[in-house]
All heavy atoms as atom14 arrays in JSON, in Angstrom:
{
  "sequence": "LFAAADLIVKVKEPQAVERRRLRAGQVLFTYLHLA",
  "atom14_mask": [
    [1, 1, 1, 1, 1, 1, 1, 1, 0, 0, 0, 0, 0, 0],
    [1, 1, 1, 1, 1, 1, 1, 1, 1, 1, 1, 0, 0, 0],
    [1, 1, 1, 1, 1, 0, 0, 0, 0, 0, 0, 0, 0, 0],
    [1, 1, 1, 1, 1, 0, 0, 0, 0, 0, 0, 0, 0, 0],
    [1, 1, 1, 1, 1, 0, 0, 0, 0, 0, 0, 0, 0, 0],
    [1, 1, 1, 1, 1, 1, 1, 1, 0, 0, 0, 0, 0, 0],
    [1, 1, 1, 1, 1, 1, 1, 1, 0, 0, 0, 0, 0, 0],
    [1, 1, 1, 1, 1, 1, 1, 1, 0, 0, 0, 0, 0, 0],
    [1, 1, 1, 1, 1, 1, 1, 0, 0, 0, 0, 0, 0, 0],
    [1, 1, 1, 1, 1, 1, 1, 1, 1, 0, 0, 0, 0, 0],
    [1, 1, 1, 1, 1, 1, 1, 0, 0, 0, 0, 0, 0, 0],
    [1, 1, 1, 1, 1, 1, 1, 1, 1, 0, 0, 0, 0, 0],
    [1, 1, 1, 1, 1, 1, 1, 1, 1, 0, 0, 0, 0, 0],
    [1, 1, 1, 1, 1, 1, 1, 0, 0, 0, 0, 0, 0, 0],
    [1, 1, 1, 1, 1, 1, 1, 1, 1, 0, 0, 0, 0, 0],
    [1, 1, 1, 1, 1, 0, 0, 0, 0, 0, 0, 0, 0, 0],
    [1, 1, 1, 1, 1, 1, 1, 0, 0, 0, 0, 0, 0, 0],
    [1, 1, 1, 1, 1, 1, 1, 1, 1, 0, 0, 0, 0, 0],
    [1, 1, 1, 1, 1, 1, 1, 1, 1, 1, 1, 0, 0, 0],
    [1, 1, 1, 1, 1, 1, 1, 1, 1, 1, 1, 0, 0, 0],
    [1, 1, 1, 1, 1, 1, 1, 1, 1, 1, 1, 0, 0, 0],
    [1, 1, 1, 1, 1, 1, 1, 1, 0, 0, 0, 0, 0, 0],
    [1, 1, 1, 1, 1, 1, 1, 1, 1, 1, 1, 0, 0, 0],
    [1, 1, 1, 1, 1, 0, 0, 0, 0, 0, 0, 0, 0, 0],
    [1, 1, 1, 1, 0, 0, 0, 0, 0, 0, 0, 0, 0, 0],
    [1, 1, 1, 1, 1, 1, 1, 1, 1, 0, 0, 0, 0, 0],
    [1, 1, 1, 1, 1, 1, 1, 0, 0, 0, 0, 0, 0, 0],
    [1, 1, 1, 1, 1, 1, 1, 1, 0, 0, 0, 0, 0, 0],
    [1, 1, 1, 1, 1, 1, 1, 1, 1, 1, 1, 0, 0, 0],
    [1, 1, 1, 1, 1, 1, 1, 0, 0, 0, 0, 0, 0, 0],
    [1, 1, 1, 1, 1, 1, 1, 1, 1, 1, 1, 1, 0, 0],
    [1, 1, 1, 1, 1, 1, 1, 1, 0, 0, 0, 0, 0, 0],
    [1, 1, 1, 1, 1, 1, 1, 1, 1, 1, 0, 0, 0, 0],
    [1, 1, 1, 1, 1, 1, 1, 1, 0, 0, 0, 0, 0, 0],
    [1, 1, 1, 1, 1, 0, 0, 0, 0, 0, 0, 0, 0, 0]
  ],
  "atom14_positions": [
    [[0.82, -1.21, 0.0], [0.0, 0.0, 0.0], [0.86, 1.26, 0.0], [0.65, 2.18, -0.8], [-0.93, -0.01, 1.2], [-1.92, 1.16, 1.29], [-3.27, 0.67, 1.79], [-1.42, 2.28, 2.19], [0.0, 0.0, 0.0], [0.0, 0.0, 0.0], [0.0, 0.0, 0.0], [0.0, 0.0, 0.0], [0.0, 0.0, 0.0], [0.0, 0.0, 0.0]],
    [[1.85, 1.33, 0.91], [2.7, 2.51, 0.98], [3.47, 2.71, -0.32], [3.72, 3.85, -0.74], [3.66, 2.41, 2.17], [3.08, 2.86, 3.47], [2.27, 2.03, 4.22], [3.34, 4.14, 3.96], [1.73, 2.43, 5.43], [2.82, 4.56, 5.17], [1.99, 3.71, 5.9], [0.0, 0.0, 0.0], [0.0, 0.0, 0.0], [0.0, 0.0, 0.0]],
    [[3.88, 1.63, -0.94], [4.64, 1.74, -2.19], [3.79, 2.28, -3.32], [4.3, 2.97, -4.22], [5.22, 0.37, -2.56], [0.0, 0.0, 0.0], [0.0, 0.0, 0.0], [0.0, 0.0, 0.0], [0.0, 0.0, 0.0], [0.0, 0.0, 0.0], [0.0, 0.0, 0.0], [0.0, 0.0, 0.0], [0.0, 0.0, 0.0], [0.0, 0.0, 0.0]],
    [[2.5, 1.98, -3.31], [1.63, 2.35, -4.43], [0.98, 3.71, -4.29], [0.69, 4.38, -5.29], [0.55, 1.28, -4.6], [0.0, 0.0, 0.0], [0.0, 0.0, 0.0], [0.0, 0.0, 0.0], [0.0, 0.0, 0.0], [0.0, 0.0, 0.0], [0.0, 0.0, 0.0], [0.0, 0.0, 0.0], [0.0, 0.0, 0.0], [0.0, 0.0, 0.0]],
    [[0.73, 4.17, -3.05], [-0.14, 5.33, -2.84], [0.61, 6.65, -3.01], [1.76, 6.8, -2.61], [-0.76, 5.25, -1.45], [0.0, 0.0, 0.0], [0.0, 0.0, 0.0], [0.0, 0.0, 0.0], [0.0, 0.0, 0.0], [0.0, 0.0, 0.0], [0.0, 0.0, 0.0], [0.0, 0.0, 0.0], [0.0, 0.0, 0.0], [0.0, 0.0, 0.0]],
    [[-0.12, 7.64, -3.58], [0.38, 9.01, -3.64], [0.0, 9.77, -2.37], [0.73, 10.64, -1.92], [-0.23, 9.74, -4.83], [-0.04, 9.02, -6.14], [1.12, 8.69, -6.44], [-1.04, 8.76, -6.84], [0.0, 0.0, 0.0], [0.0, 0.0, 0.0], [0.0, 0.0, 0.0], [0.0, 0.0, 0.0], [0.0, 0.0, 0.0], [0.0, 0.0, 0.0]],
    [[-1.16, 9.46, -1.82], [-1.7, 10.12, -0.64], [-2.05, 9.05, 0.39], [-2.86, 8.16, 0.11], [-2.96, 10.93, -1.03], [-3.83, 11.51, 0.08], [-3.06, 12.49, 0.95], [-5.05, 12.21, -0.53], [0.0, 0.0, 0.0], [0.0, 0.0, 0.0], [0.0, 0.0, 0.0], [0.0, 0.0, 0.0], [0.0, 0.0, 0.0], [0.0, 0.0, 0.0]],
    [[-1.43, 9.12, 1.56], [-1.69, 8.18, 2.64], [-2.63, 8.84, 3.64], [-2.35, 9.93, 4.15], [-0.39, 7.78, 3.37], [0.6, 7.11, 2.4], [-0.69, 6.88, 4.57], [0.18, 5.73, 1.96], [0.0, 0.0, 0.0], [0.0, 0.0, 0.0], [0.0, 0.0, 0.0], [0.0, 0.0, 0.0], [0.0, 0.0, 0.0], [0.0, 0.0, 0.0]],
    [[-3.74, 8.18, 3.93], [-4.74, 8.69, 4.89], [-4.77, 7.76, 6.09], [-5.02, 6.55, 5.94], [-6.13, 8.78, 4.25], [-7.12, 9.37, 5.23], [-6.08, 9.61, 2.99], [0.0, 0.0, 0.0], [0.0, 0.0, 0.0], [0.0, 0.0, 0.0], [0.0, 0.0, 0.0], [0.0, 0.0, 0.0], [0.0, 0.0, 0.0], [0.0, 0.0, 0.0]],
    [[-4.47, 8.31, 7.28], [-4.43, 7.52, 8.49], [-5.23, 8.2, 9.58], [-5.9, 9.2, 9.37], [-2.98, 7.34, 8.96], [-2.17, 6.31, 8.18], [-0.73, 6.21, 8.62], [-0.51, 6.16, 10.11], [-1.21, 5.05, 10.8], [0.0, 0.0, 0.0], [0.0, 0.0, 0.0], [0.0, 0.0, 0.0], [0.0, 0.0, 0.0], [0.0, 0.0, 0.0]],
    [[-5.12, 7.63, 10.79], [-5.69, 8.24, 11.98], [-4.56, 8.71, 12.89], [-4.4, 9.89, 13.14], [-6.63, 7.27, 12.74], [-7.17, 7.93, 14.01], [-7.78, 6.82, 11.86], [0.0, 0.0, 0.0], [0.0, 0.0, 0.0], [0.0, 0.0, 0.0], [0.0, 0.0, 0.0], [0.0, 0.0, 0.0], [0.0, 0.0, 0.0], [0.0, 0.0, 0.0]],
    [[-3.77, 7.77, 13.37], [-2.69, 8.11, 14.31], [-1.39, 8.38, 13.57], [-1.22, 8.03, 12.39], [-2.5, 6.99, 15.33], [-3.67, 6.83, 16.3], [-3.98, 8.12, 17.05], [-2.88, 8.53, 18.0], [-3.2, 9.81, 18.71], [0.0, 0.0, 0.0], [0.0, 0.0, 0.0], [0.0, 0.0, 0.0], [0.0, 0.0, 0.0], [0.0, 0.0, 0.0]],
    [[-0.46, 9.0, 14.31], [0.84, 9.3, 13.75], [1.51, 8.02, 13.24], [1.33, 6.95, 13.82], [1.73, 9.98, 14.8], [2.21, 9.09, 15.93], [1.19, 8.85, 17.03], [0.08, 9.42, 16.95], [1.5, 8.08, 17.97], [0.0, 0.0, 0.0], [0.0, 0.0, 0.0], [0.0, 0.0, 0.0], [0.0, 0.0, 0.0], [0.0, 0.0, 0.0]],
    [[2.26, 8.09, 12.16], [2.92, 6.88, 11.64], [3.92, 6.35, 12.65], [4.72, 7.09, 13.23], [3.6, 7.37, 10.36], [3.78, 8.85, 10.55], [2.61, 9.29, 11.36], [0.0, 0.0, 0.0], [0.0, 0.0, 0.0], [0.0, 0.0, 0.0], [0.0, 0.0, 0.0], [0.0, 0.0, 0.0], [0.0, 0.0, 0.0], [0.0, 0.0, 0.0]],
    [[3.87, 5.06, 12.87], [4.81, 4.41, 13.75], [6.15, 4.24, 13.04], [6.27, 4.46, 11.83], [4.26, 3.05, 14.19], [2.89, 3.15, 14.87], [2.88, 4.03, 16.11], [3.45, 3.68, 17.13], [2.24, 5.2, 16.01], [0.0, 0.0, 0.0], [0.0, 0.0, 0.0], [0.0, 0.0, 0.0], [0.0, 0.0, 0.0], [0.0, 0.0, 0.0]],
    [[7.2, 3.86, 13.77], [8.55, 3.84, 13.22], [8.63, 3.01, 11.94], [9.24, 3.44, 10.94], [9.53, 3.32, 14.25], [0.0, 0.0, 0.0], [0.0, 0.0, 0.0], [0.0, 0.0, 0.0], [0.0, 0.0, 0.0], [0.0, 0.0, 0.0], [0.0, 0.0, 0.0], [0.0, 0.0, 0.0], [0.0, 0.0, 0.0], [0.0, 0.0, 0.0]],
    [[8.01, 1.83, 11.93], [8.07, 0.98, 10.74], [7.34, 1.63, 9.57], [7.75, 1.49, 8.41], [7.5, -0.42, 11.05], [6.0, -0.37, 11.36], [7.77, -1.37, 9.9], [0.0, 0.0, 0.0], [0.0, 0.0, 0.0], [0.0, 0.0, 0.0], [0.0, 0.0, 0.0], [0.0, 0.0, 0.0], [0.0, 0.0, 0.0], [0.0, 0.0, 0.0]],
    [[6.28, 2.37, 9.85], [5.54, 3.07, 8.79], [6.34, 4.25, 8.25], [6.32, 4.52, 7.04], [4.19, 3.54, 9.3], [3.25, 2.4, 9.69], [1.97, 2.9, 10.32], [2.05, 3.72, 11.27], [0.88, 2.47, 9.89], [0.0, 0.0, 0.0], [0.0, 0.0, 0.0], [0.0, 0.0, 0.0], [0.0, 0.0, 0.0], [0.0, 0.0, 0.0]],
    [[7.04, 4.93, 9.15], [7.81, 6.1, 8.7], [8.92, 5.7, 7.73], [9.29, 6.48, 6.85], [8.38, 6.84, 9.92], [7.3, 7.37, 10.84], [7.83, 8.4, 11.81], [8.78, 7.92, 12.79], [8.46, 7.49, 14.0], [7.19, 7.43, 14.39], [9.4, 7.11, 14.86], [0.0, 0.0, 0.0], [0.0, 0.0, 0.0], [0.0, 0.0, 0.0]],
    [[9.43, 4.5, 7.89], [10.48, 4.03, 6.98], [9.93, 3.76, 5.59], [10.72, 3.63, 4.63], [11.15, 2.78, 7.55], [12.01, 3.05, 8.78], [12.92, 1.88, 9.12], [12.18, 0.73, 9.61], [11.88, 0.52, 10.9], [12.25, 1.41, 11.81], [11.23, -0.56, 11.27], [0.0, 0.0, 0.0], [0.0, 0.0, 0.0], [0.0, 0.0, 0.0]],
    [[8.62, 3.67, 5.45], [8.0, 3.4, 4.15], [7.61, 4.69, 3.41], [7.24, 4.63, 2.24], [6.76, 2.53, 4.33], [7.06, 1.16, 4.9], [5.78, 0.43, 5.26], [6.08, -0.89, 5.82], [5.35, -1.5, 6.75], [4.25, -0.89, 7.22], [5.68, -2.68, 7.21], [0.0, 0.0, 0.0], [0.0, 0.0, 0.0], [0.0, 0.0, 0.0]],
    [[7.68, 5.82, 4.09], [7.3, 7.09, 3.46], [8.41, 7.57, 2.54], [9.58, 7.23, 2.7], [7.02, 8.13, 4.54], [5.83, 7.83, 5.46], [5.81, 8.79, 6.64], [4.51, 7.91, 4.69], [0.0, 0.0, 0.0], [0.0, 0.0, 0.0], [0.0, 0.0, 0.0], [0.0, 0.0, 0.0], [0.0, 0.0, 0.0], [0.0, 0.0, 0.0]],
    [[8.05, 8.42, 1.58], [9.04, 8.89, 0.61], [8.74, 10.32, 0.18], [7.61, 10.8, 0.34], [9.05, 7.97, -0.62], [7.76, 7.99, -1.41], [7.8, 7.04, -2.58], [6.59, 7.15, -3.4], [5.47, 6.5, -3.18], [5.39, 5.66, -2.13], [4.41, 6.66, -3.97], [0.0, 0.0, 0.0], [0.0, 0.0, 0.0], [0.0, 0.0, 0.0]],
    [[9.74, 10.96, -0.38], [9.57, 12.3, -0.92], [8.53, 12.28, -2.04], [8.47, 11.34, -2.84], [10.9, 12.83, -1.43], [0.0, 0.0, 0.0], [0.0, 0.0, 0.0], [0.0, 0.0, 0.0], [0.0, 0.0, 0.0], [0.0, 0.0, 0.0], [0.0, 0.0, 0.0], [0.0, 0.0, 0.0], [0.0, 0.0, 0.0], [0.0, 0.0, 0.0]],
    [[7.72, 13.32, -2.1], [6.66, 13.39, -3.11], [5.35, 12.8, -2.66], [4.31, 13.03, -3.31], [0.0, 0.0, 0.0], [0.0, 0.0, 0.0], [0.0, 0.0, 0.0], [0.0, 0.0, 0.0], [0.0, 0.0, 0.0], [0.0, 0.0, 0.0], [0.0, 0.0, 0.0], [0.0, 0.0, 0.0], [0.0, 0.0, 0.0], [0.0, 0.0, 0.0]],
    [[5.38, 12.01, -1.6], [4.17, 11.41, -1.06], [3.53, 12.39, -0.08], [4.21, 13.17, 0.58], [4.52, 10.11, -0.35], [3.39, 9.13, -0.17], [3.93, 7.78, 0.28], [4.79, 7.69, 1.16], [3.46, 6.71, -0.34], [0.0, 0.0, 0.0], [0.0, 0.0, 0.0], [0.0, 0.0, 0.0], [0.0, 0.0, 0.0], [0.0, 0.0, 0.0]],
    [[2.2, 12.34, 0.04], [1.47, 13.19, 0.98], [0.9, 12.31, 2.09], [0.28, 11.27, 1.8], [0.33, 13.97, 0.28], [-0.45, 14.81, 1.3], [0.91, 14.86, -0.82], [0.0, 0.0, 0.0], [0.0, 0.0, 0.0], [0.0, 0.0, 0.0], [0.0, 0.0, 0.0], [0.0, 0.0, 0.0], [0.0, 0.0, 0.0], [0.0, 0.0, 0.0]],
    [[1.12, 12.72, 3.32], [0.59, 12.02, 4.5], [-0.44, 12.92, 5.16], [-0.14, 14.08, 5.49], [1.73, 11.71, 5.47], [1.33, 11.13, 6.83], [0.74, 9.73, 6.67], [2.56, 11.08, 7.75], [0.0, 0.0, 0.0], [0.0, 0.0, 0.0], [0.0, 0.0, 0.0], [0.0, 0.0, 0.0], [0.0, 0.0, 0.0], [0.0, 0.0, 0.0]],
    [[-1.63, 12.4, 5.38], [-2.75, 13.17, 5.96], [-3.26, 12.41, 7.16], [-3.92, 11.37, 7.02], [-3.84, 13.34, 4.9], [-4.91, 14.35, 5.23], [-4.62, 15.53, 5.89], [-6.23, 14.1, 4.85], [-5.62, 16.46, 6.17], [-7.22, 15.02, 5.12], [-6.92, 16.2, 5.79], [0.0, 0.0, 0.0], [0.0, 0.0, 0.0], [0.0, 0.0, 0.0]],
    [[-2.93, 12.9, 8.37], [-3.25, 12.17, 9.59], [-3.03, 13.07, 10.8], [-2.58, 14.21, 10.66], [-2.38, 10.9, 9.7], [-2.82, 10.09, 10.78], [-0.91, 11.25, 9.92], [0.0, 0.0, 0.0], [0.0, 0.0, 0.0], [0.0, 0.0, 0.0], [0.0, 0.0, 0.0], [0.0, 0.0, 0.0], [0.0, 0.0, 0.0], [0.0, 0.0, 0.0]],
    [[-3.32, 12.58, 12.0], [-2.86, 13.24, 13.22], [-1.36, 13.0, 13.36], [-0.88, 11.88, 13.15], [-3.58, 12.69, 14.45], [-5.03, 13.08, 14.56], [-6.05, 12.13, 14.49], [-5.39, 14.4, 14.76], [-7.38, 12.47, 14.6], [-6.72, 14.77, 14.87], [-7.72, 13.81, 14.78], [-9.03, 14.17, 14.89], [0.0, 0.0, 0.0], [0.0, 0.0, 0.0]],
    [[-0.62, 14.04, 13.76], [0.82, 13.92, 13.93], [1.29, 14.21, 15.36], [2.09, 13.48, 15.92], [1.56, 14.85, 12.95], [1.43, 14.49, 11.47], [2.09, 15.56, 10.61], [2.03, 13.12, 11.19], [0.0, 0.0, 0.0], [0.0, 0.0, 0.0], [0.0, 0.0, 0.0], [0.0, 0.0, 0.0], [0.0, 0.0, 0.0], [0.0, 0.0, 0.0]],
    [[0.86, 15.34, 15.93], [1.26, 15.73, 17.3], [2.79, 15.7, 17.42], [3.36, 14.97, 18.23], [0.62, 14.8, 18.33], [-0.88, 14.78, 18.29], [-1.66, 15.86, 18.67], [-1.76, 13.83, 17.89], [-2.93, 15.57, 18.53], [-3.02, 14.34, 18.04], [0.0, 0.0, 0.0], [0.0, 0.0, 0.0], [0.0, 0.0, 0.0], [0.0, 0.0, 0.0]],
    [[3.45, 16.52, 16.63], [4.91, 16.48, 16.54], [5.63, 17.12, 17.71], [6.76, 16.73, 18.02], [5.36, 17.15, 15.23], [4.98, 16.46, 13.92], [5.53, 17.24, 12.75], [5.47, 15.02, 13.89], [0.0, 0.0, 0.0], [0.0, 0.0, 0.0], [0.0, 0.0, 0.0], [0.0, 0.0, 0.0], [0.0, 0.0, 0.0], [0.0, 0.0, 0.0]],
    [[5.02, 18.12, 18.35], [5.75, 18.92, 19.34], [6.41, 18.08, 20.43], [7.54, 18.37, 20.82], [4.83, 19.98, 19.94], [0.0, 0.0, 0.0], [0.0, 0.0, 0.0], [0.0, 0.0, 0.0], [0.0, 0.0, 0.0], [0.0, 0.0, 0.0], [0.0, 0.0, 0.0], [0.0, 0.0, 0.0], [0.0, 0.0, 0.0], [0.0, 0.0, 0.0]]
  ]
}
């Protein structure tokens, strides 16, 4: 799924294993709570 999608839609912040699947040019739309 991560390899194919242009736009990733989630609920919670991406976990470590998910973050390793993200790439430049991809859009992630989810809760992040980065602070």
